[in-house]
Amino acid sequence: MKRPLIRTLIAGLALVGGSAALAGPAVAAPSADAAASVGVVRHQAATTDSEQDRVEAYWTPARMKSAKPAESRFTGGKAPAKAAAKKARAAAVPESPQPRLGKVFFTLGGQNYVCSGTATSSSNGDVVTTAGHCLNEGPGAFATNFAFVPAYNNGSRPYGTWTAERLFTTSAWANSGDFNYDVGFAVLNENSSGQSLTGVVGSYPIAFNLARGLSYTAYGYPAAPPFNGQTLYSCSGTARPDTFGGSNDQGLTCDMTGGSSGGGWLTSGRINSVNSFKYTADPNTMYGPYFGSTIQSVYNAAATA
């Protein structure tokens, strides 16, 4: 795990800056259900009817509203998110809710958090793409109470609450917290009518190994100030290499804050990255991992689960 710079998660957005290393989350043993295949780590979530019912009932309107941007897991407060918001140029624009995009809710260490996600085309019809840190501590434990709410808008859940059956991420994220591979895929349970997620809300196709420097629109539900996490936003622009911290990721001008993590980057109608982190010294740029063959192998495992 790289530690030349401080990395702190803000609702899924990692803020990176400074010269001293921050203490990270407690490290837990890898899941006993880890995949044998190299590069893929999977975890069982709500696999029984009773667990699915419990998770769905857990996410009351009050819990959804009080769930925090994930940066508080690392910093103990919201100061980094607020500082970034004050310095950032306005780039995010409000969007009407759409069923293929939604809000992710999950629990880590007894605390409820929020991220964003995208319904993704797959052979099983049940995949949501998000950031790795929205379902695994990186390194450490997997999230519990994972749920996806398509077209969330000011507390409204027009397509219901969908629970996760299995969670997938890269071994580089689950074992080392490597932001170059900060991607996760949730395989959701069918709803009470026996329908798969993408059969109800539709999906975006996913693409891998594309050229760098493409034009993207990134979506998410920013929850840290000056946003409140209740509505969808987007940023659009041309991706550029990370010349600031030297990661393999690409950057996009965007002032979305914590809570937008995991929101999809779309190019030519295909998802090809997710909101992952920011540098504290550069709050105007959102970074997302390059979708190469390693991430493709994790998606393939989730798409056929």
C-alpha atoms as a PDB file:
ATOM      1  CA  MET A   1       0.000   0.000   0.000  1.00  0.00           C
ATOM      2  CA  LYS A   2       1.449   3.372  -0.967  1.00  0.00           C
ATOM      3  CA  ARG A   3       1.952   5.733   1.959  1.00  0.00           C
ATOM      4  CA  PRO A   4       3.943   8.722   0.658  1.00  0.00           C
ATOM      5  CA  LEU A   5       0.862  10.871   1.171  1.00  0.00           C
ATOM      6  CA  ILE A   6      -2.012  10.976   3.626  1.00  0.00           C
ATOM      7  CA  ARG A   7      -5.128   9.256   2.313  1.00  0.00           C
ATOM      8  CA  THR A   8      -8.428   9.904   4.073  1.00  0.00           C
ATOM      9  CA  LEU A   9     -11.778   8.729   2.733  1.00  0.00           C
ATOM     10  CA  ILE A  10     -14.590  11.230   2.368  1.00  0.00           C
ATOM     11  CA  ALA A  11     -17.813   9.423   1.780  1.00  0.00           C
ATOM     12  CA  GLY A  12     -16.046   7.430  -0.426  1.00  0.00           C
ATOM     13  CA  LEU A  13     -13.733  10.132  -1.679  1.00  0.00           C
ATOM     14  CA  ALA A  14     -10.183   9.750  -0.518  1.00  0.00           C
ATOM     15  CA  LEU A  15      -8.467  13.033   0.142  1.00  0.00           C
ATOM     16  CA  VAL A  16      -4.721  12.742  -0.343  1.00  0.00           C
ATOM     17  CA  GLY A  17      -2.131  15.231   0.811  1.00  0.00           C
ATOM     18  CA  GLY A  18       0.562  16.059   3.319  1.00  0.00           C
ATOM     19  CA  SER A  19       3.650  14.076   4.234  1.00  0.00           C
ATOM     20  CA  ALA A  20       2.758  12.022   7.308  1.00  0.00           C
ATOM     21  CA  ALA A  21       0.886   8.736   7.227  1.00  0.00           C
ATOM     22  CA  LEU A  22      -2.518   8.546   8.857  1.00  0.00           C
ATOM     23  CA  ALA A  23      -3.574   5.509  10.824  1.00  0.00           C
ATOM     24  CA  GLY A  24      -5.900   3.502   8.630  1.00  0.00           C
ATOM     25  CA  PRO A  25      -8.825   1.284   9.528  1.00  0.00           C
ATOM     26  CA  ALA A  26      -8.340  -1.803  11.638  1.00  0.00           C
ATOM     27  CA  VAL A  27      -7.131  -4.673   9.510  1.00  0.00           C
ATOM     28  CA  ALA A  28      -9.215  -7.836   9.567  1.00  0.00           C
ATOM     29  CA  ALA A  29      -8.439 -11.225   8.098  1.00  0.00           C
ATOM     30  CA  PRO A  30      -9.556 -11.747   4.489  1.00  0.00           C
ATOM     31  CA  SER A  31     -13.010 -13.262   4.053  1.00  0.00           C
ATOM     32  CA  ALA A  32     -13.177 -17.037   4.361  1.00  0.00           C
ATOM     33  CA  ASP A  33     -15.136 -16.902   1.130  1.00  0.00           C
ATOM     34  CA  ALA A  34     -12.242 -15.342  -0.818  1.00  0.00           C
ATOM     35  CA  ALA A  35     -12.121 -16.457  -4.414  1.00  0.00           C
ATOM     36  CA  ALA A  36      -9.392 -18.854  -5.423  1.00  0.00           C
ATOM     37  CA  SER A  37      -8.844 -16.912  -8.623  1.00  0.00           C
ATOM     38  CA  VAL A  38      -6.001 -14.394  -8.501  1.00  0.00           C
ATOM     39  CA  GLY A  39      -7.095 -10.794  -8.171  1.00  0.00           C
ATOM     40  CA  VAL A  40     -10.679 -11.455  -7.086  1.00  0.00           C
ATOM     41  CA  VAL A  41     -12.015 -11.358  -3.524  1.00  0.00           C
ATOM     42  CA  ARG A  42     -15.672 -12.163  -2.875  1.00  0.00           C
ATOM     43  CA  HIS A  43     -17.807 -12.152   0.225  1.00  0.00           C
ATOM     44  CA  GLN A  44     -21.249 -13.507   1.072  1.00  0.00           C
ATOM     45  CA  ALA A  45     -23.735 -10.861   2.176  1.00  0.00           C
ATOM     46  CA  ALA A  46     -27.517 -11.337   2.609  1.00  0.00           C
ATOM     47  CA  THR A  47     -27.996 -14.830   1.180  1.00  0.00           C
ATOM     48  CA  THR A  48     -31.179 -15.895   3.001  1.00  0.00           C
ATOM     49  CA  ASP A  49     -34.705 -14.510   2.868  1.00  0.00           C
ATOM     50  CA  SER A  50     -34.545 -13.549   6.530  1.00  0.00           C
ATOM     51  CA  GLU A  51     -31.280 -11.657   6.047  1.00  0.00           C
ATOM     52  CA  GLN A  52     -32.638  -9.863   3.009  1.00  0.00           C
ATOM     53  CA  ASP A  53     -35.719  -8.823   4.953  1.00  0.00           C
ATOM     54  CA  ARG A  54     -33.570  -7.700   7.873  1.00  0.00           C
ATOM     55  CA  VAL A  55     -31.307  -5.503   5.719  1.00  0.00           C
ATOM     56  CA  GLU A  56     -34.237  -3.965   3.862  1.00  0.00           C
ATOM     57  CA  ALA A  57     -35.983  -3.178   7.163  1.00  0.00           C
ATOM     58  CA  TYR A  58     -32.749  -1.829   8.642  1.00  0.00           C
ATOM     59  CA  TRP A  59     -32.614   1.074   6.188  1.00  0.00           C
ATOM     60  CA  THR A  60     -35.330   3.248   7.617  1.00  0.00           C
ATOM     61  CA  PRO A  61     -35.649   6.828   6.362  1.00  0.00           C
ATOM     62  CA  ALA A  62     -33.968   8.014   9.559  1.00  0.00           C
ATOM     63  CA  ARG A  63     -30.954   5.728   9.130  1.00  0.00           C
ATOM     64  CA  MET A  64     -30.576   6.685   5.488  1.00  0.00           C
ATOM     65  CA  LYS A  65     -30.658  10.363   6.342  1.00  0.00           C
ATOM     66  CA  SER A  66     -28.136  10.037   9.174  1.00  0.00           C
ATOM     67  CA  ALA A  67     -25.648   7.807   7.306  1.00  0.00           C
ATOM     68  CA  LYS A  68     -22.306   9.579   7.012  1.00  0.00           C
ATOM     69  CA  PRO A  69     -19.801  10.174   4.266  1.00  0.00           C
ATOM     70  CA  ALA A  70     -17.166   7.488   4.806  1.00  0.00           C
ATOM     71  CA  GLU A  71     -14.344   9.960   5.489  1.00  0.00           C
ATOM     72  CA  SER A  72     -15.303   9.962   9.151  1.00  0.00           C
ATOM     73  CA  ARG A  73     -13.997   6.377   9.338  1.00  0.00           C
ATOM     74  CA  PHE A  74     -10.501   7.735   8.832  1.00  0.00           C
ATOM     75  CA  THR A  75     -10.496  11.283  10.175  1.00  0.00           C
ATOM     76  CA  GLY A  76     -13.050  11.150  12.974  1.00  0.00           C
ATOM     77  CA  GLY A  77     -14.866  14.150  11.543  1.00  0.00           C
ATOM     78  CA  LYS A  78     -15.934  16.059   8.464  1.00  0.00           C
ATOM     79  CA  ALA A  79     -13.296  18.788   8.434  1.00  0.00           C
ATOM     80  CA  PRO A  80     -11.379  17.538   5.367  1.00  0.00           C
ATOM     81  CA  ALA A  81     -14.545  17.361   3.296  1.00  0.00           C
ATOM     82  CA  LYS A  82     -15.574  20.846   4.316  1.00  0.00           C
ATOM     83  CA  ALA A  83     -12.144  22.272   3.583  1.00  0.00           C
ATOM     84  CA  ALA A  84     -12.128  20.735   0.136  1.00  0.00           C
ATOM     85  CA  ALA A  85     -15.588  22.052  -0.644  1.00  0.00           C
ATOM     86  CA  LYS A  86     -14.610  25.628   0.207  1.00  0.00           C
ATOM     87  CA  LYS A  87     -11.633  25.576  -2.161  1.00  0.00           C
ATOM     88  CA  ALA A  88     -13.182  23.744  -5.088  1.00  0.00           C
ATOM     89  CA  ARG A  89     -14.407  25.415  -8.252  1.00  0.00           C
ATOM     90  CA  ALA A  90     -18.049  24.791  -9.039  1.00  0.00           C
ATOM     91  CA  ALA A  91     -18.238  22.038 -11.639  1.00  0.00           C
ATOM     92  CA  ALA A  92     -20.986  19.679 -10.523  1.00  0.00           C
ATOM     93  CA  VAL A  93     -24.458  20.257 -11.947  1.00  0.00           C
ATOM     94  CA  PRO A  94     -27.755  18.926 -10.584  1.00  0.00           C
ATOM     95  CA  GLU A  95     -29.383  16.055 -12.450  1.00  0.00           C
ATOM     96  CA  SER A  96     -32.861  14.570 -12.498  1.00  0.00           C
ATOM     97  CA  PRO A  97     -32.940  11.161 -10.799  1.00  0.00           C
ATOM     98  CA  GLN A  98     -32.586   8.175 -13.098  1.00  0.00           C
ATOM     99  CA  PRO A  99     -33.174   4.503 -12.298  1.00  0.00           C
ATOM    100  CA  ARG A 100     -29.793   3.204 -13.469  1.00  0.00           C
ATOM    101  CA  LEU A 101     -28.014   5.477 -10.986  1.00  0.00           C
ATOM    102  CA  GLY A 102     -28.526   5.301  -7.255  1.00  0.00           C
ATOM    103  CA  LYS A 103     -27.305   5.647  -3.734  1.00  0.00           C
ATOM    104  CA  VAL A 104     -25.416   2.955  -1.827  1.00  0.00           C
ATOM    105  CA  PHE A 105     -25.868   2.399   1.912  1.00  0.00           C
ATOM    106  CA  PHE A 106     -23.680   0.163   4.076  1.00  0.00           C
ATOM    107  CA  THR A 107     -22.312  -0.424   7.576  1.00  0.00           C
ATOM    108  CA  LEU A 108     -18.655  -0.712   8.632  1.00  0.00           C
ATOM    109  CA  GLY A 109     -17.489  -0.904  12.231  1.00  0.00           C
ATOM    110  CA  GLY A 110     -21.000  -0.302  13.531  1.00  0.00           C
ATOM    111  CA  GLN A 111     -21.390   2.989  11.635  1.00  0.00           C
ATOM    112  CA  ASN A 112     -23.674   3.649   8.661  1.00  0.00           C
ATOM    113  CA  TYR A 113     -22.209   5.197   5.513  1.00  0.00           C
ATOM    114  CA  VAL A 114     -23.225   6.305   2.029  1.00  0.00           C
ATOM    115  CA  CYS A 115     -21.745   6.047  -1.463  1.00  0.00           C
ATOM    116  CA  SER A 116     -23.068   5.987  -5.026  1.00  0.00           C
ATOM    117  CA  GLY A 117     -23.452   3.209  -7.593  1.00  0.00           C
ATOM    118  CA  THR A 118     -24.526   2.262 -11.118  1.00  0.00           C
ATOM    119  CA  ALA A 119     -26.704  -0.615 -12.342  1.00  0.00           C
ATOM    120  CA  THR A 120     -24.448  -2.478 -14.772  1.00  0.00           C
ATOM    121  CA  SER A 121     -25.224  -4.856 -17.627  1.00  0.00           C
ATOM    122  CA  SER A 122     -24.378  -8.463 -16.749  1.00  0.00           C
ATOM    123  CA  SER A 123     -25.469 -12.002 -17.532  1.00  0.00           C
ATOM    124  CA  ASN A 124     -27.136 -12.339 -14.117  1.00  0.00           C
ATOM    125  CA  GLY A 125     -28.845  -8.934 -14.297  1.00  0.00           C
ATOM    126  CA  ASP A 126     -27.935  -8.094 -10.717  1.00  0.00           C
ATOM    127  CA  VAL A 127     -24.649  -6.130 -10.733  1.00  0.00           C
ATOM    128  CA  VAL A 128     -24.033  -2.670  -9.268  1.00  0.00           C
ATOM    129  CA  THR A 129     -20.653  -1.026  -9.844  1.00  0.00           C
ATOM    130  CA  THR A 130     -19.226   1.124  -7.052  1.00  0.00           C
ATOM    131  CA  ALA A 131     -15.896   1.918  -5.373  1.00  0.00           C
ATOM    132  CA  GLY A 132     -13.996  -0.784  -3.511  1.00  0.00           C
ATOM    133  CA  HIS A 133     -13.990   1.290  -0.336  1.00  0.00           C
ATOM    134  CA  CYS A 134     -17.798   1.360  -0.458  1.00  0.00           C
ATOM    135  CA  LEU A 135     -17.889  -2.349   0.344  1.00  0.00           C
ATOM    136  CA  ASN A 136     -14.520  -3.198   1.923  1.00  0.00           C
ATOM    137  CA  GLU A 137     -12.265  -1.312   4.354  1.00  0.00           C
ATOM    138  CA  GLY A 138      -9.225  -1.781   2.115  1.00  0.00           C
ATOM    139  CA  PRO A 139      -7.554  -3.576   3.751  1.00  0.00           C
ATOM    140  CA  GLY A 140      -9.939  -5.171   6.191  1.00  0.00           C
ATOM    141  CA  ALA A 141     -13.512  -6.239   6.691  1.00  0.00           C
ATOM    142  CA  PHE A 142     -16.360  -6.258   4.219  1.00  0.00           C
ATOM    143  CA  ALA A 143     -19.404  -4.071   4.744  1.00  0.00           C
ATOM    144  CA  THR A 144     -22.661  -5.345   6.187  1.00  0.00           C
ATOM    145  CA  ASN A 145     -26.208  -4.084   5.505  1.00  0.00           C
ATOM    146  CA  PHE A 146     -25.250  -3.270   1.910  1.00  0.00           C
ATOM    147  CA  ALA A 147     -28.169  -1.862  -0.094  1.00  0.00           C
ATOM    148  CA  PHE A 148     -28.712   0.000  -3.351  1.00  0.00           C
ATOM    149  CA  VAL A 149     -31.540   2.492  -3.902  1.00  0.00           C
ATOM    150  CA  PRO A 150     -32.062   3.316  -7.607  1.00  0.00           C
ATOM    151  CA  ALA A 151     -33.125   6.877  -8.431  1.00  0.00           C
ATOM    152  CA  TYR A 152     -32.944   7.950  -4.792  1.00  0.00           C
ATOM    153  CA  ASN A 153     -34.217  11.509  -4.453  1.00  0.00           C
ATOM    154  CA  ASN A 154     -34.788  13.374  -1.186  1.00  0.00           C
ATOM    155  CA  GLY A 155     -35.675  10.159   0.623  1.00  0.00           C
ATOM    156  CA  SER A 156     -37.865   8.792  -2.153  1.00  0.00           C
ATOM    157  CA  ARG A 157     -37.225   5.176  -3.224  1.00  0.00           C
ATOM    158  CA  PRO A 158     -39.305   4.778  -6.393  1.00  0.00           C
ATOM    159  CA  TYR A 159     -37.782   1.379  -7.252  1.00  0.00           C
ATOM    160  CA  GLY A 160     -37.402   0.082  -3.712  1.00  0.00           C
ATOM    161  CA  THR A 161     -34.370  -1.001  -1.706  1.00  0.00           C
ATOM    162  CA  TRP A 162     -32.203  -3.787  -3.130  1.00  0.00           C
ATOM    163  CA  THR A 163     -29.993  -5.892  -0.859  1.00  0.00           C
ATOM    164  CA  ALA A 164     -26.678  -7.510  -1.786  1.00  0.00           C
ATOM    165  CA  GLU A 165     -26.172 -11.257  -2.022  1.00  0.00           C
ATOM    166  CA  ARG A 166     -22.419 -11.088  -2.676  1.00  0.00           C
ATOM    167  CA  LEU A 167     -19.731  -8.402  -2.703  1.00  0.00           C
ATOM    168  CA  PHE A 168     -16.688  -8.440  -4.989  1.00  0.00           C
ATOM    169  CA  THR A 169     -13.522  -6.351  -5.125  1.00  0.00           C
ATOM    170  CA  THR A 170      -9.935  -6.613  -6.285  1.00  0.00           C
ATOM    171  CA  SER A 171      -7.405  -8.377  -4.095  1.00  0.00           C
ATOM    172  CA  ALA A 172      -5.233  -5.260  -4.449  1.00  0.00           C
ATOM    173  CA  TRP A 173      -7.930  -3.242  -2.681  1.00  0.00           C
ATOM    174  CA  ALA A 174      -9.073  -5.854  -0.142  1.00  0.00           C
ATOM    175  CA  ASN A 175      -5.542  -6.813   0.886  1.00  0.00           C
ATOM    176  CA  SER A 176      -3.556  -3.592   0.380  1.00  0.00           C
ATOM    177  CA  GLY A 177      -5.927  -0.638  -0.037  1.00  0.00           C
ATOM    178  CA  ASP A 178      -4.421   0.136  -3.450  1.00  0.00           C
ATOM    179  CA  PHE A 179      -6.376   3.053  -4.955  1.00  0.00           C
ATOM    180  CA  ASN A 180      -5.368   1.994  -8.463  1.00  0.00           C
ATOM    181  CA  TYR A 181      -7.845  -0.860  -7.950  1.00  0.00           C
ATOM    182  CA  ASP A 182     -10.490   0.862  -5.811  1.00  0.00           C
ATOM    183  CA  VAL A 183     -13.460  -0.802  -7.503  1.00  0.00           C
ATOM    184  CA  GLY A 184     -16.256  -3.006  -6.192  1.00  0.00           C
ATOM    185  CA  PHE A 185     -19.177  -4.911  -7.641  1.00  0.00           C
ATOM    186  CA  ALA A 186     -22.258  -5.872  -5.641  1.00  0.00           C
ATOM    187  CA  VAL A 187     -24.454  -8.729  -6.840  1.00  0.00           C
ATOM    188  CA  LEU A 188     -27.948  -7.940  -5.639  1.00  0.00           C
ATOM    189  CA  ASN A 189     -30.785 -10.223  -4.642  1.00  0.00           C
ATOM    190  CA  GLU A 190     -33.940 -10.385  -6.711  1.00  0.00           C
ATOM    191  CA  ASN A 191     -36.849  -8.367  -5.382  1.00  0.00           C
ATOM    192  CA  SER A 192     -39.971  -9.814  -3.768  1.00  0.00           C
ATOM    193  CA  SER A 193     -41.499 -10.313  -7.222  1.00  0.00           C
ATOM    194  CA  GLY A 194     -38.538 -12.394  -8.365  1.00  0.00           C
ATOM    195  CA  GLN A 195     -37.191  -9.685 -10.674  1.00  0.00           C
ATOM    196  CA  SER A 196     -33.525  -8.906 -11.238  1.00  0.00           C
ATOM    197  CA  LEU A 197     -32.333  -5.346 -10.720  1.00  0.00           C
ATOM    198  CA  THR A 198     -31.517  -4.494 -14.316  1.00  0.00           C
ATOM    199  CA  GLY A 199     -34.751  -6.040 -15.528  1.00  0.00           C
ATOM    200  CA  VAL A 200     -36.527  -3.361 -13.495  1.00  0.00           C
ATOM    201  CA  VAL A 201     -34.308  -0.281 -13.788  1.00  0.00           C
ATOM    202  CA  GLY A 202     -32.194  -0.925 -16.881  1.00  0.00           C
ATOM    203  CA  SER A 203     -28.387  -0.808 -16.952  1.00  0.00           C
ATOM    204  CA  TYR A 204     -25.282   0.698 -18.481  1.00  0.00           C
ATOM    205  CA  PRO A 205     -22.832  -1.560 -20.323  1.00  0.00           C
ATOM    206  CA  ILE A 206     -19.301  -1.663 -18.948  1.00  0.00           C
ATOM    207  CA  ALA A 207     -16.039  -1.277 -20.895  1.00  0.00           C
ATOM    208  CA  PHE A 208     -12.413  -2.195 -20.191  1.00  0.00           C
ATOM    209  CA  ASN A 209      -8.987  -1.419 -21.636  1.00  0.00           C
ATOM    210  CA  LEU A 210     -10.138   1.712 -23.455  1.00  0.00           C
ATOM    211  CA  ALA A 211      -7.827   4.533 -24.470  1.00  0.00           C
ATOM    212  CA  ARG A 212      -6.928   7.059 -21.805  1.00  0.00           C
ATOM    213  CA  GLY A 213      -7.918  10.717 -22.007  1.00  0.00           C
ATOM    214  CA  LEU A 214     -11.530  10.144 -23.053  1.00  0.00           C
ATOM    215  CA  SER A 215     -14.467  12.461 -22.326  1.00  0.00           C
ATOM    216  CA  TYR A 216     -16.577  11.406 -19.348  1.00  0.00           C
ATOM    217  CA  THR A 217     -19.642  12.346 -17.361  1.00  0.00           C
ATOM    218  CA  ALA A 218     -19.270  11.289 -13.720  1.00  0.00           C
ATOM    219  CA  TYR A 219     -22.367  10.893 -11.541  1.00  0.00           C
ATOM    220  CA  GLY A 220     -22.869  10.725  -7.805  1.00  0.00           C
ATOM    221  CA  TYR A 221     -24.697  11.778  -4.671  1.00  0.00           C
ATOM    222  CA  PRO A 222     -22.258  14.147  -2.922  1.00  0.00           C
ATOM    223  CA  ALA A 223     -23.136  14.327   0.769  1.00  0.00           C
ATOM    224  CA  ALA A 224     -20.395  16.429   2.357  1.00  0.00           C
ATOM    225  CA  PRO A 225     -20.896  20.237   2.366  1.00  0.00           C
ATOM    226  CA  PRO A 226     -21.900  22.185   0.397  1.00  0.00           C
ATOM    227  CA  PHE A 227     -24.031  19.233  -0.810  1.00  0.00           C
ATOM    228  CA  ASN A 228     -26.474  17.223   1.291  1.00  0.00           C
ATOM    229  CA  GLY A 229     -26.518  13.792  -0.376  1.00  0.00           C
ATOM    230  CA  GLN A 230     -30.198  13.940  -1.227  1.00  0.00           C
ATOM    231  CA  THR A 231     -29.992  14.513  -4.985  1.00  0.00           C
ATOM    232  CA  LEU A 232     -27.972  13.408  -8.006  1.00  0.00           C
ATOM    233  CA  TYR A 233     -25.173  15.520  -9.537  1.00  0.00           C
ATOM    234  CA  SER A 234     -22.761  15.143 -12.426  1.00  0.00           C
ATOM    235  CA  CYS A 235     -19.441  16.505 -13.707  1.00  0.00           C
ATOM    236  CA  SER A 236     -18.291  16.356 -17.326  1.00  0.00           C
ATOM    237  CA  GLY A 237     -14.903  16.775 -18.952  1.00  0.00           C
ATOM    238  CA  THR A 238     -11.829  15.134 -20.416  1.00  0.00           C
ATOM    239  CA  ALA A 239      -9.807  12.749 -18.264  1.00  0.00           C
ATOM    240  CA  ARG A 240      -6.156  13.557 -17.641  1.00  0.00           C
ATOM    241  CA  PRO A 241      -3.296  11.577 -16.079  1.00  0.00           C
ATOM    242  CA  ASP A 242      -2.443  11.850 -12.395  1.00  0.00           C
ATOM    243  CA  THR A 243       0.678  14.003 -12.464  1.00  0.00           C
ATOM    244  CA  PHE A 244       0.150  15.073  -8.863  1.00  0.00           C
ATOM    245  CA  GLY A 245       0.548  11.842  -6.932  1.00  0.00           C
ATOM    246  CA  GLY A 246       1.694   9.432  -9.604  1.00  0.00           C
ATOM    247  CA  SER A 247      -1.171   6.936  -9.405  1.00  0.00           C
ATOM    248  CA  ASN A 248      -2.365   5.008 -12.451  1.00  0.00           C
ATOM    249  CA  ASP A 249      -5.731   6.715 -12.117  1.00  0.00           C
ATOM    250  CA  GLN A 250      -7.192   9.477 -14.285  1.00  0.00           C
ATOM    251  CA  GLY A 251      -8.477  12.838 -13.083  1.00  0.00           C
ATOM    252  CA  LEU A 252     -11.592  14.817 -13.969  1.00  0.00           C
ATOM    253  CA  THR A 253     -12.395  18.404 -12.961  1.00  0.00           C
ATOM    254  CA  CYS A 254     -15.167  17.990 -10.402  1.00  0.00           C
ATOM    255  CA  ASP A 255     -16.162  19.480  -7.047  1.00  0.00           C
ATOM    256  CA  MET A 256     -18.408  16.637  -5.883  1.00  0.00           C
ATOM    257  CA  THR A 257     -17.615  15.681  -2.294  1.00  0.00           C
ATOM    258  CA  GLY A 258     -17.916  12.607  -0.072  1.00  0.00           C
ATOM    259  CA  GLY A 259     -20.929  10.451  -0.812  1.00  0.00           C
ATOM    260  CA  SER A 260     -20.282  10.603  -4.535  1.00  0.00           C
ATOM    261  CA  SER A 261     -17.677   7.860  -4.249  1.00  0.00           C
ATOM    262  CA  GLY A 262     -18.512   4.862  -6.397  1.00  0.00           C
ATOM    263  CA  GLY A 263     -20.575   6.920  -8.831  1.00  0.00           C
ATOM    264  CA  GLY A 264     -19.950   5.836 -12.397  1.00  0.00           C
ATOM    265  CA  TRP A 265     -17.894   7.572 -15.072  1.00  0.00           C
ATOM    266  CA  LEU A 266     -19.688   7.174 -18.399  1.00  0.00           C
ATOM    267  CA  THR A 267     -18.114   7.512 -21.834  1.00  0.00           C
ATOM    268  CA  SER A 268     -20.112   6.827 -25.001  1.00  0.00           C
ATOM    269  CA  GLY A 269     -22.837   5.347 -22.826  1.00  0.00           C
ATOM    270  CA  ARG A 270     -20.534   2.871 -21.060  1.00  0.00           C
ATOM    271  CA  ILE A 271     -19.280   2.832 -17.495  1.00  0.00           C
ATOM    272  CA  ASN A 272     -15.489   2.956 -17.503  1.00  0.00           C
ATOM    273  CA  SER A 273     -14.435   4.210 -14.045  1.00  0.00           C
ATOM    274  CA  VAL A 274     -15.837   5.351 -10.694  1.00  0.00           C
ATOM    275  CA  ASN A 275     -15.330   8.305  -8.357  1.00  0.00           C
ATOM    276  CA  SER A 276     -12.522   7.238  -6.015  1.00  0.00           C
ATOM    277  CA  PHE A 277     -10.398   9.949  -4.363  1.00  0.00           C
ATOM    278  CA  LYS A 278      -9.085  13.513  -4.296  1.00  0.00           C
ATOM    279  CA  TYR A 279      -5.853  15.137  -3.152  1.00  0.00           C
ATOM    280  CA  THR A 280      -6.248  17.699  -0.381  1.00  0.00           C
ATOM    281  CA  ALA A 281      -4.034  20.086  -2.321  1.00  0.00           C
ATOM    282  CA  ASP A 282      -6.158  19.642  -5.454  1.00  0.00           C
ATOM    283  CA  PRO A 283      -9.832  19.582  -4.420  1.00  0.00           C
ATOM    284  CA  ASN A 284     -10.913  20.473  -7.957  1.00  0.00           C
ATOM    285  CA  THR A 285      -9.964  17.084  -9.403  1.00  0.00           C
ATOM    286  CA  MET A 286     -11.773  13.785  -8.907  1.00  0.00           C
ATOM    287  CA  TYR A 287      -9.720  10.659  -9.612  1.00  0.00           C
ATOM    288  CA  GLY A 288     -10.989   7.309 -10.832  1.00  0.00           C
ATOM    289  CA  PRO A 289      -9.224   3.981 -11.454  1.00  0.00           C
ATOM    290  CA  TYR A 290      -8.371   2.761 -14.945  1.00  0.00           C
ATOM    291  CA  PHE A 291     -10.580  -0.184 -15.892  1.00  0.00           C
ATOM    292  CA  GLY A 292      -8.016  -2.689 -17.133  1.00  0.00           C
ATOM    293  CA  SER A 293      -7.832  -6.477 -17.209  1.00  0.00           C
ATOM    294  CA  THR A 294      -7.570  -6.932 -13.421  1.00  0.00           C
ATOM    295  CA  ILE A 295     -10.798  -5.051 -12.787  1.00  0.00           C
ATOM    296  CA  GLN A 296     -12.372  -6.861 -15.741  1.00  0.00           C
ATOM    297  CA  SER A 297     -11.661 -10.206 -14.059  1.00  0.00           C
ATOM    298  CA  VAL A 298     -13.496  -9.051 -10.916  1.00  0.00           C
ATOM    299  CA  TYR A 299     -16.448  -7.861 -12.977  1.00  0.00           C
ATOM    300  CA  ASN A 300     -16.555 -11.195 -14.831  1.00  0.00           C
ATOM    301  CA  ALA A 301     -16.725 -13.057 -11.520  1.00  0.00           C
ATOM    302  CA  ALA A 302     -19.570 -10.850 -10.291  1.00  0.00           C
ATOM    303  CA  ALA A 303     -21.470 -10.926 -13.596  1.00  0.00           C
ATOM    304  CA  THR A 304     -21.683 -14.728 -13.542  1.00  0.00           C
ATOM    305  CA  ALA A 305     -22.228 -15.210  -9.781  1.00  0.00           C
END
